[in-house]
Amino acid sequence: MREYKLFALLITCIMLMAACGGREEDIEDTYQNGVETENEAIPTLSILAPEYYRDVIRQAQTHMSLIEGGRINLEITAYAPEARETHHIRLQTMLMAGDPPDMFILDGHPLRAYIQSGFLADIYELMDACPLSSRDDFFSEPLVAMEMYGGLYAFPMSFGFNHVFINSSLPQPFIDRFSQYESVTIACLMTLYSDLMREYGDDFGHLSFSGGSSRAGTCPQIILQHYMGNYVDFENQTSNLIHLDFISFLDEFHPIFEERWLGSYSYLFTIFAFPQRLQTLASRGHVFWIVTADGMDSAFSLLTTGQTYFSHSVPMVDVHSRLKIGPGIGFESLGDTWAVICIPATDNRHLAWRFSQHLLAVSAAPFHDPTTNFSWNWNYSIASPIVKGFFLPYVTQQFEEFIRFFSSDVRIDPLRGDAALMTSEILAAISRISELNDMSMSLTYSFLPETLYFDLLDQFMLGVMSSDEFARQLQNRVSLWLIE
């Protein structure tokens, strides 16, 4: 039966791929850093990735040549966001046909299905067999968070946390309640919001629940996806989505996010958040401001200088007090994602892992294209590099660059002249990140297919079904999916 399903899926993928136009939107390049001779065959590595990562992959090739003295040819298939679904189908077809790329960047793919089908290599095994790396080289907690079915099949190049601010104009009792937290769950934020509306709705009823750059706290379906994960045991293929605690969560979830669901809310309006947003009246329309480690707000969330309208930032955790980390669900969710490497179980898997070490090295340095002399600092991200040794120099440089840029930008008057104060806070901010890096973590996204629940969620948010009915139908669908 399983073989029949795989065959049927293969045929479907081929037909869909043809309907989608095949490879017309690909950007395929072959980069060589050596000339093959009669006595030396230069290995070729094939890589599939969103176009956003193409330049850093090319830099890694140069880095590998300089550090190892080895040569490698790359076949990069980079694709635009609009071609994402086409490439999902293409990758699935290649995996089932036994001819996948040697590595790919996770981009909303059905990771659990790939693992269960045996398509991916366990990176722990590659790591242990590689003389260039050991498990001690990497921060362990984000790797533990990425583990599935007893192995590590997706490797994060970096990781970061979601920080929550509270609106400083709220009644002092609510600010005091929030300021007592060392970490906070989304359910706790929802309770605070509900209490605020119940007690002070006449004065603060115009404020929405949250804004910011984090899908983990601003996008309803991502919030639900993560909370659902607390009631699903993927390893033992069971779920308990009819638990009273989950239904209580839904009862509170609906009124808080109903307006956002029914309105024209788009995550794109919050993805490019900047620290000056914390200084403007426009941002004050929210009770909470939630930011991820990617982007300029993240550096600002760990510095107190200039925080006027929002304050008391604390990290967001799940119900087990584990820090919530990415990735998001795809390339379009840049505010909540970081590059995650997957390596199919091909003959080239050990070479792919070796190349990944160079990819990690160049991703922890500011981007520079020597051909155009163009430099970019990765959006002042303070997401921690997964390699321990890269952490301190990278994060220090990011804070310094952030302060240098924003203290001199004439558009941002509140921060002008505060560079010295902000610089004095860098060591404390880095120390805080270091402490977080060693805490237990869990993924924001649990890799439950959205097709399982999105139509039900839509009916629930539109008021067509109750919390109990939504939970019951959700339980039925997830239970069937787990045992298929």
Protein backbone atom coordinates (compact mmCIF):
# COMPACT_ATOMS: atom_id res chain seq x y z
CA MET A 1 0.00 0.00 0.00
CA ARG A 2 2.81 2.43 0.90
CA GLU A 3 4.57 1.72 -2.40
CA TYR A 4 1.30 2.31 -4.24
CA LYS A 5 0.82 5.68 -2.53
CA LEU A 6 4.37 6.74 -3.39
CA PHE A 7 3.86 5.72 -7.02
CA ALA A 8 0.57 7.61 -7.20
CA LEU A 9 2.20 10.68 -5.65
CA LEU A 10 5.06 10.47 -8.13
CA ILE A 11 2.66 10.43 -11.09
CA THR A 12 0.69 13.33 -9.61
CA CYS A 13 3.86 15.37 -9.05
CA ILE A 14 5.02 14.80 -12.64
CA MET A 15 1.65 15.95 -13.98
CA LEU A 16 1.56 19.00 -11.72
CA MET A 17 5.12 19.89 -12.59
CA ALA A 18 4.27 19.81 -16.26
CA ALA A 19 1.20 21.95 -15.65
CA CYS A 20 3.27 24.48 -13.72
CA GLY A 21 5.63 25.03 -16.58
CA GLY A 22 8.52 22.91 -15.40
CA ARG A 23 11.79 24.82 -15.09
CA GLU A 24 10.95 28.03 -16.91
CA GLU A 25 11.37 30.15 -13.76
CA ASP A 26 14.60 28.52 -12.58
CA ILE A 27 17.85 30.41 -12.33
CA GLU A 28 20.35 27.65 -12.94
CA ASP A 29 24.07 28.34 -12.79
CA THR A 30 27.19 26.24 -12.73
CA TYR A 31 30.14 27.78 -10.90
CA GLN A 32 33.58 26.27 -11.34
CA ASN A 33 36.67 27.06 -9.32
CA GLY A 34 38.96 24.58 -10.98
CA VAL A 35 39.68 22.91 -14.30
CA GLU A 36 39.24 19.17 -14.40
CA THR A 37 42.39 17.33 -15.46
CA GLU A 38 42.99 13.79 -16.62
CA ASN A 39 44.23 12.75 -13.17
CA GLU A 40 41.83 14.74 -11.00
CA ALA A 41 38.05 14.68 -11.12
CA ILE A 42 36.63 17.80 -9.50
CA PRO A 43 33.47 16.95 -7.55
CA THR A 44 30.18 18.65 -8.40
CA LEU A 45 27.60 19.54 -5.77
CA SER A 46 24.01 20.30 -6.76
CA ILE A 47 22.05 22.73 -4.59
CA LEU A 48 18.41 23.86 -4.62
CA ALA A 49 17.66 27.12 -2.79
CA PRO A 50 15.57 30.30 -2.86
CA GLU A 51 17.38 32.97 -4.86
CA TYR A 52 17.98 34.94 -1.65
CA TYR A 53 20.74 32.46 -0.74
CA ARG A 54 22.49 32.21 -4.11
CA ASP A 55 25.22 34.77 -3.40
CA VAL A 56 26.14 33.37 0.02
CA ILE A 57 26.38 29.89 -1.54
CA ARG A 58 28.80 31.24 -4.14
CA GLN A 59 30.86 32.87 -1.40
CA ALA A 60 31.04 29.52 0.40
CA GLN A 61 32.54 27.97 -2.72
CA THR A 62 35.32 30.58 -2.71
CA HIS A 63 35.82 30.11 1.03
CA MET A 64 36.17 26.34 0.61
CA SER A 65 38.79 26.82 -2.08
CA LEU A 66 40.81 29.23 0.07
CA ILE A 67 40.62 27.28 3.33
CA GLU A 68 40.87 23.69 2.15
CA GLY A 69 42.73 24.28 -1.06
CA GLY A 70 40.16 21.97 -2.61
CA ARG A 71 38.14 22.62 -5.70
CA ILE A 72 34.46 22.06 -6.22
CA ASN A 73 31.93 22.82 -8.93
CA LEU A 74 28.45 23.92 -7.96
CA GLU A 75 25.19 23.47 -9.83
CA ILE A 76 22.84 25.95 -8.18
CA THR A 77 19.14 26.01 -8.92
CA ALA A 78 17.84 29.23 -7.38
CA TYR A 79 14.18 30.15 -7.64
CA ALA A 80 12.03 33.21 -7.04
CA PRO A 81 9.28 33.21 -4.37
CA GLU A 82 6.54 32.91 -6.99
CA ALA A 83 8.10 29.65 -8.23
CA ARG A 84 8.20 28.08 -4.78
CA GLU A 85 5.31 25.64 -5.20
CA THR A 86 6.65 24.48 -8.56
CA HIS A 87 9.96 23.63 -6.90
CA HIS A 88 8.27 21.84 -4.03
CA ILE A 89 6.69 19.53 -6.58
CA ARG A 90 9.94 19.20 -8.50
CA LEU A 91 11.93 18.31 -5.37
CA GLN A 92 9.37 15.71 -4.28
CA THR A 93 9.52 14.13 -7.72
CA MET A 94 13.33 14.03 -7.67
CA LEU A 95 13.37 12.54 -4.16
CA MET A 96 10.96 9.76 -5.11
CA ALA A 97 12.89 9.09 -8.30
CA GLY A 98 16.12 8.72 -6.29
CA ASP A 99 17.83 11.65 -8.00
CA PRO A 100 17.53 14.67 -5.67
CA PRO A 101 19.93 17.60 -5.35
CA ASP A 102 22.81 17.00 -2.96
CA MET A 103 21.50 19.65 -0.58
CA PHE A 104 18.67 22.15 -0.35
CA ILE A 105 17.57 25.05 1.83
CA LEU A 106 14.38 24.34 3.76
CA ASP A 107 11.63 26.54 2.39
CA GLY A 108 8.31 25.36 3.77
CA HIS A 109 8.81 21.82 2.50
CA PRO A 110 6.93 18.88 4.15
CA LEU A 111 9.94 18.00 6.29
CA ARG A 112 8.28 15.28 8.35
CA ALA A 113 7.12 13.44 5.23
CA TYR A 114 10.64 13.57 3.77
CA ILE A 115 12.10 12.12 6.97
CA GLN A 116 9.54 9.34 7.31
CA SER A 117 10.11 8.33 3.69
CA GLY A 118 13.85 7.96 4.34
CA PHE A 119 14.83 10.64 1.83
CA LEU A 120 17.14 12.64 4.11
CA ALA A 121 20.49 11.89 5.73
CA ASP A 122 20.85 12.10 9.51
CA ILE A 123 23.20 15.06 9.90
CA TYR A 124 24.40 13.79 13.27
CA GLU A 125 25.91 10.81 11.43
CA LEU A 126 27.56 13.10 8.87
CA MET A 127 28.85 15.33 11.66
CA ASP A 128 30.36 12.39 13.57
CA ALA A 129 32.08 11.07 10.43
CA CYS A 130 33.56 14.44 9.45
CA PRO A 131 37.11 15.27 10.62
CA LEU A 132 36.40 19.00 10.21
CA SER A 133 33.62 19.23 12.78
CA SER A 134 32.24 17.77 15.99
CA ARG A 135 29.00 18.21 17.89
CA ASP A 136 30.82 20.34 20.47
CA ASP A 137 31.42 23.01 17.81
CA PHE A 138 27.73 23.92 17.72
CA PHE A 139 25.14 25.26 20.12
CA SER A 140 23.27 22.14 21.18
CA GLU A 141 19.83 23.46 22.17
CA PRO A 142 18.70 24.65 18.72
CA LEU A 143 19.86 21.31 17.30
CA VAL A 144 17.82 19.45 19.92
CA ALA A 145 14.83 21.59 18.95
CA MET A 146 15.32 20.51 15.31
CA GLU A 147 15.53 16.79 16.11
CA MET A 148 12.77 14.60 14.67
CA TYR A 149 12.22 10.86 14.83
CA GLY A 150 15.48 10.26 16.66
CA GLY A 151 17.78 12.14 14.30
CA LEU A 152 18.78 15.56 12.97
CA TYR A 153 17.56 16.01 9.42
CA ALA A 154 17.58 19.81 9.16
CA PHE A 155 20.50 21.96 10.26
CA PRO A 156 20.01 25.66 11.16
CA MET A 157 22.75 28.05 10.09
CA SER A 158 21.63 30.45 12.82
CA PHE A 159 18.88 30.81 15.41
CA GLY A 160 17.20 33.59 17.32
CA PHE A 161 14.40 34.43 19.69
CA ASN A 162 11.19 36.40 19.73
CA HIS A 163 11.09 39.36 22.14
CA VAL A 164 7.93 41.02 23.39
CA PHE A 165 7.51 44.70 24.37
CA ILE A 166 4.52 46.22 26.13
CA ASN A 167 2.97 49.57 25.23
CA SER A 168 4.20 52.12 27.77
CA SER A 169 0.93 54.08 27.71
CA LEU A 170 -1.05 51.26 29.33
CA PRO A 171 -2.28 51.49 32.94
CA GLN A 172 0.60 50.99 35.34
CA PRO A 173 -0.86 47.84 36.97
CA PHE A 174 -0.68 46.05 33.60
CA ILE A 175 2.82 47.28 32.87
CA ASP A 176 3.83 46.09 36.35
CA ARG A 177 2.31 42.65 35.70
CA PHE A 178 4.21 42.35 32.44
CA SER A 179 7.51 43.62 33.86
CA GLN A 180 7.56 40.78 36.39
CA TYR A 181 7.95 38.17 33.66
CA GLU A 182 11.36 36.82 32.75
CA SER A 183 9.72 35.09 29.78
CA VAL A 184 6.16 34.98 28.47
CA THR A 185 3.87 32.62 26.51
CA ILE A 186 1.43 33.66 23.80
CA ALA A 187 -1.39 32.37 26.03
CA CYS A 188 -0.22 34.67 28.83
CA LEU A 189 -0.19 37.64 26.46
CA MET A 190 -3.71 36.76 25.37
CA THR A 191 -4.88 36.70 29.01
CA LEU A 192 -3.28 40.10 29.67
CA TYR A 193 -4.95 41.51 26.58
CA SER A 194 -8.36 40.11 27.53
CA ASP A 195 -8.03 41.47 31.07
CA LEU A 196 -7.04 44.88 29.71
CA MET A 197 -10.05 45.02 27.39
CA ARG A 198 -12.39 43.90 30.15
CA GLU A 199 -11.16 46.45 32.69
CA TYR A 200 -10.14 49.36 30.46
CA GLY A 201 -11.92 48.72 27.17
CA ASP A 202 -13.39 52.22 27.03
CA ASP A 203 -9.92 53.77 27.05
CA PHE A 204 -7.82 51.14 25.24
CA GLY A 205 -10.33 49.24 23.14
CA HIS A 206 -8.82 50.76 19.98
CA LEU A 207 -5.54 48.88 20.51
CA SER A 208 -5.00 45.63 18.62
CA PHE A 209 -3.30 42.64 20.21
CA SER A 210 0.15 42.89 18.62
CA GLY A 211 2.39 44.22 15.90
CA GLY A 212 6.01 43.72 14.98
CA SER A 213 8.21 41.53 12.84
CA SER A 214 7.47 38.11 14.35
CA ARG A 215 4.99 35.72 12.81
CA ALA A 216 5.12 33.75 16.05
CA GLY A 217 3.13 36.47 17.80
CA THR A 218 1.41 38.42 15.05
CA CYS A 219 0.11 35.90 12.49
CA PRO A 220 -2.99 33.95 13.67
CA GLN A 221 -2.34 30.74 11.73
CA ILE A 222 1.28 30.55 12.93
CA ILE A 223 0.18 31.11 16.53
CA LEU A 224 -2.35 28.29 16.16
CA GLN A 225 0.19 26.03 14.42
CA HIS A 226 2.64 26.34 17.29
CA TYR A 227 0.02 25.89 19.99
CA MET A 228 -1.38 22.82 18.23
CA GLY A 229 2.09 21.29 18.42
CA ASN A 230 1.76 21.13 22.22
CA TYR A 231 -1.00 18.56 21.82
CA VAL A 232 0.54 16.39 19.10
CA ASP A 233 3.01 13.58 19.80
CA PHE A 234 4.67 13.07 16.43
CA GLU A 235 6.99 10.31 17.65
CA ASN A 236 4.16 8.13 18.94
CA GLN A 237 1.66 9.26 16.27
CA THR A 238 -1.00 10.46 18.69
CA SER A 239 -2.80 13.75 19.32
CA ASN A 240 -5.10 15.22 21.96
CA LEU A 241 -6.55 18.32 20.34
CA ILE A 242 -9.85 17.86 22.22
CA HIS A 243 -8.07 18.59 25.51
CA LEU A 244 -9.99 21.15 27.57
CA ASP A 245 -6.93 23.41 27.79
CA PHE A 246 -6.70 23.58 24.00
CA ILE A 247 -10.42 24.35 23.69
CA SER A 248 -10.04 27.09 26.33
CA PHE A 249 -7.19 28.51 24.26
CA LEU A 250 -9.47 28.56 21.20
CA ASP A 251 -12.22 30.34 23.17
CA GLU A 252 -9.82 33.18 23.90
CA PHE A 253 -8.03 33.04 20.54
CA HIS A 254 -11.15 33.72 18.46
CA PRO A 255 -12.22 37.14 19.79
CA ILE A 256 -8.64 38.42 19.94
CA PHE A 257 -7.79 37.60 16.34
CA GLU A 258 -11.22 37.74 14.71
CA GLU A 259 -10.85 41.30 13.46
CA ARG A 260 -7.38 40.56 12.12
CA TRP A 261 -8.67 37.48 10.32
CA LEU A 262 -11.68 39.24 8.80
CA GLY A 263 -9.78 42.38 7.85
CA SER A 264 -7.15 42.94 5.21
CA TYR A 265 -4.28 42.27 7.62
CA SER A 266 -1.10 41.28 5.86
CA TYR A 267 2.13 40.17 7.43
CA LEU A 268 3.97 42.18 4.82
CA PHE A 269 2.95 45.34 6.68
CA THR A 270 4.95 44.26 9.71
CA ILE A 271 7.80 42.28 8.20
CA PHE A 272 10.08 45.27 7.65
CA ALA A 273 9.99 46.62 11.20
CA PHE A 274 12.59 49.16 12.27
CA PRO A 275 13.43 50.56 15.69
CA GLN A 276 11.99 53.92 14.77
CA ARG A 277 8.65 52.12 14.60
CA LEU A 278 8.94 51.87 18.37
CA GLN A 279 9.20 55.65 18.42
CA THR A 280 6.19 56.49 16.26
CA LEU A 281 2.51 57.00 16.91
CA ALA A 282 1.67 54.46 14.20
CA SER A 283 3.17 51.63 16.22
CA ARG A 284 1.25 52.62 19.34
CA GLY A 285 -1.91 51.01 18.00
CA HIS A 286 -0.81 47.72 19.60
CA VAL A 287 -0.73 46.43 23.16
CA PHE A 288 2.37 44.32 22.43
CA TRP A 289 5.22 44.71 19.95
CA ILE A 290 6.82 41.37 19.11
CA VAL A 291 10.10 41.14 17.20
CA THR A 292 12.25 38.30 15.94
CA ALA A 293 16.05 38.04 15.92
CA ASP A 294 16.20 38.88 12.22
CA GLY A 295 15.92 42.58 11.58
CA MET A 296 16.80 45.87 13.17
CA ASP A 297 14.22 45.76 15.96
CA SER A 298 16.00 42.75 17.42
CA ALA A 299 19.12 44.73 18.35
CA PHE A 300 16.96 47.50 19.74
CA SER A 301 15.00 45.02 21.89
CA LEU A 302 18.14 44.31 23.93
CA LEU A 303 19.13 47.96 24.44
CA THR A 304 17.19 50.26 26.76
CA THR A 305 18.33 53.58 25.31
CA GLY A 306 15.62 55.33 23.33
CA GLN A 307 12.77 52.97 24.24
CA THR A 308 9.94 55.43 24.74
CA TYR A 309 6.63 54.02 23.57
CA PHE A 310 7.35 50.33 24.26
CA SER A 311 9.43 48.82 27.06
CA HIS A 312 10.32 45.79 29.22
CA SER A 313 11.17 43.36 26.41
CA VAL A 314 11.15 39.69 27.43
CA PRO A 315 11.65 36.53 25.33
CA MET A 316 8.68 34.46 24.22
CA VAL A 317 8.49 30.80 25.31
CA ASP A 318 6.16 27.85 24.82
CA VAL A 319 4.03 26.21 27.52
CA HIS A 320 7.07 24.21 28.67
CA SER A 321 9.16 27.39 29.12
CA ARG A 322 11.26 26.62 26.05
CA LEU A 323 12.34 29.57 23.93
CA LYS A 324 10.42 29.80 20.67
CA ILE A 325 12.72 29.89 17.66
CA GLY A 326 12.09 29.80 13.88
CA PRO A 327 12.00 28.76 11.14
CA GLY A 328 9.04 30.36 9.48
CA ILE A 329 7.06 28.58 6.79
CA GLY A 330 8.89 29.80 3.73
CA PHE A 331 10.91 32.43 1.98
CA GLU A 332 8.19 35.06 2.24
CA SER A 333 8.41 34.88 6.04
CA LEU A 334 11.84 36.47 6.26
CA GLY A 335 11.01 38.13 9.54
CA ASP A 336 10.76 34.74 11.23
CA THR A 337 13.13 32.46 9.41
CA TRP A 338 16.78 31.56 9.03
CA ALA A 339 18.51 29.29 6.57
CA VAL A 340 18.11 25.59 7.36
CA ILE A 341 20.18 23.03 5.46
CA CYS A 342 18.77 19.64 4.44
CA ILE A 343 20.96 16.95 2.91
CA PRO A 344 19.35 14.08 0.98
CA ALA A 345 20.80 10.60 1.41
CA THR A 346 22.89 10.70 -1.77
CA ASP A 347 26.45 9.51 -2.39
CA ASN A 348 27.48 13.17 -2.10
CA ARG A 349 26.06 13.64 1.41
CA HIS A 350 29.49 13.79 3.12
CA LEU A 351 30.70 16.38 0.60
CA ALA A 352 27.49 18.35 1.15
CA TRP A 353 28.12 18.44 4.90
CA ARG A 354 31.73 19.52 4.34
CA PHE A 355 30.55 22.33 2.08
CA SER A 356 28.00 23.31 4.73
CA GLN A 357 30.85 24.20 7.10
CA HIS A 358 31.98 26.88 4.67
CA LEU A 359 28.41 28.06 4.21
CA LEU A 360 28.21 28.54 7.97
CA ALA A 361 31.47 30.52 7.98
CA VAL A 362 30.50 33.01 5.29
CA SER A 363 26.95 33.45 6.65
CA ALA A 364 28.46 34.62 9.97
CA ALA A 365 30.29 37.47 8.23
CA PRO A 366 28.92 40.62 6.58
CA PHE A 367 28.10 40.03 2.93
CA HIS A 368 30.57 41.47 0.44
CA ASP A 369 30.54 41.03 -3.31
CA PRO A 370 34.08 41.75 -4.60
CA THR A 371 32.86 42.01 -8.19
CA THR A 372 30.66 45.03 -7.39
CA ASN A 373 32.29 46.10 -4.09
CA PHE A 374 28.80 45.90 -2.57
CA SER A 375 28.55 45.22 1.19
CA TRP A 376 25.55 44.31 3.31
CA ASN A 377 25.35 43.42 6.96
CA TRP A 378 22.45 40.93 6.82
CA ASN A 379 19.92 43.48 8.06
CA TYR A 380 21.65 43.94 11.42
CA SER A 381 20.40 40.54 12.53
CA ILE A 382 21.48 39.42 15.98
CA ALA A 383 20.44 35.83 15.36
CA SER A 384 23.23 33.70 16.83
CA PRO A 385 25.42 31.74 14.40
CA ILE A 386 25.06 28.03 15.13
CA VAL A 387 28.87 27.73 15.42
CA LYS A 388 29.87 28.69 18.97
CA GLY A 389 33.16 30.24 17.90
CA PHE A 390 31.44 32.68 15.54
CA PHE A 391 29.01 34.02 18.14
CA LEU A 392 30.93 36.74 19.99
CA PRO A 393 32.65 38.49 17.05
CA TYR A 394 29.51 38.32 14.89
CA VAL A 395 27.04 39.65 17.45
CA THR A 396 29.45 42.33 18.68
CA GLN A 397 29.92 43.58 15.14
CA GLN A 398 26.17 43.58 14.51
CA PHE A 399 25.47 45.71 17.57
CA GLU A 400 28.25 48.15 16.65
CA GLU A 401 27.00 48.45 13.07
CA PHE A 402 23.45 48.92 14.28
CA ILE A 403 24.44 51.74 16.62
CA ARG A 404 26.69 53.38 14.02
CA PHE A 405 23.92 53.43 11.44
CA PHE A 406 21.02 54.52 13.60
CA SER A 407 22.81 57.09 15.71
CA SER A 408 23.86 58.94 12.54
CA ASP A 409 20.65 58.61 10.52
CA VAL A 410 19.07 62.07 10.24
CA ARG A 411 15.62 60.50 9.85
CA ILE A 412 15.69 59.10 13.38
CA ASP A 413 16.04 62.09 15.69
CA PRO A 414 15.31 60.25 19.00
CA LEU A 415 18.45 58.15 18.65
CA ARG A 416 20.85 60.88 17.56
CA GLY A 417 23.57 61.53 20.10
CA ASP A 418 22.81 58.36 22.07
CA ALA A 419 25.55 56.22 20.52
CA ALA A 420 27.71 56.30 23.64
CA LEU A 421 24.85 55.18 25.87
CA MET A 422 23.86 52.41 23.50
CA THR A 423 27.47 51.24 23.15
CA SER A 424 27.78 50.99 26.93
CA GLU A 425 24.91 48.47 26.88
CA ILE A 426 26.43 46.09 24.34
CA LEU A 427 28.24 43.82 26.82
CA ALA A 428 25.09 43.37 28.92
CA ALA A 429 23.05 42.66 25.78
CA ILE A 430 25.51 40.04 24.55
CA SER A 431 25.55 38.45 28.00
CA ARG A 432 21.79 38.21 27.89
CA ILE A 433 21.85 36.50 24.49
CA SER A 434 24.54 34.09 25.76
CA GLU A 435 22.26 33.02 28.60
CA LEU A 436 19.37 32.49 26.19
CA ASN A 437 21.56 30.43 23.85
CA ASP A 438 21.87 27.74 26.52
CA MET A 439 18.15 27.51 27.34
CA SER A 440 15.83 24.79 26.04
CA MET A 441 14.16 25.71 22.75
CA SER A 442 11.25 24.63 20.60
CA LEU A 443 10.28 25.39 17.02
CA THR A 444 7.65 27.99 16.23
CA TYR A 445 6.50 25.86 13.32
CA SER A 446 5.64 22.21 14.01
CA PHE A 447 5.52 21.18 10.30
CA LEU A 448 1.85 20.19 10.38
CA PRO A 449 0.60 20.69 6.80
CA GLU A 450 -1.58 23.78 6.57
CA THR A 451 -3.92 21.86 4.27
CA LEU A 452 -4.97 19.82 7.32
CA TYR A 453 -6.54 22.72 9.13
CA PHE A 454 -6.68 25.96 7.16
CA ASP A 455 -10.24 25.52 5.87
CA LEU A 456 -11.42 24.55 9.36
CA LEU A 457 -9.60 27.54 10.85
CA ASP A 458 -11.28 29.82 8.33
CA GLN A 459 -14.73 28.48 9.27
CA PHE A 460 -13.90 28.82 12.96
CA MET A 461 -12.69 32.41 12.62
CA LEU A 462 -15.76 33.30 10.55
CA GLY A 463 -17.99 31.98 13.34
CA VAL A 464 -19.34 29.05 11.33
CA MET A 465 -18.22 26.50 13.92
CA SER A 466 -17.62 26.54 17.67
CA SER A 467 -14.35 25.93 19.50
CA ASP A 468 -15.51 22.42 20.45
CA GLU A 469 -16.44 21.50 16.89
CA PHE A 470 -13.25 22.97 15.48
CA ALA A 471 -11.17 20.99 18.00
CA ARG A 472 -13.10 17.77 17.27
CA GLN A 473 -12.69 17.99 13.49
CA LEU A 474 -9.06 19.04 13.90
CA GLN A 475 -8.42 16.02 16.11
CA ASN A 476 -9.94 13.67 13.52
CA ARG A 477 -7.86 15.06 10.67
CA VAL A 478 -4.56 15.18 12.54
CA SER A 479 -5.06 11.66 13.94
CA LEU A 480 -5.61 10.26 10.44
CA TRP A 481 -2.63 12.17 9.06
CA LEU A 482 -0.36 10.80 11.80
CA ILE A 483 -1.11 7.15 10.99
CA GLU A 484 -1.15 7.40 7.18
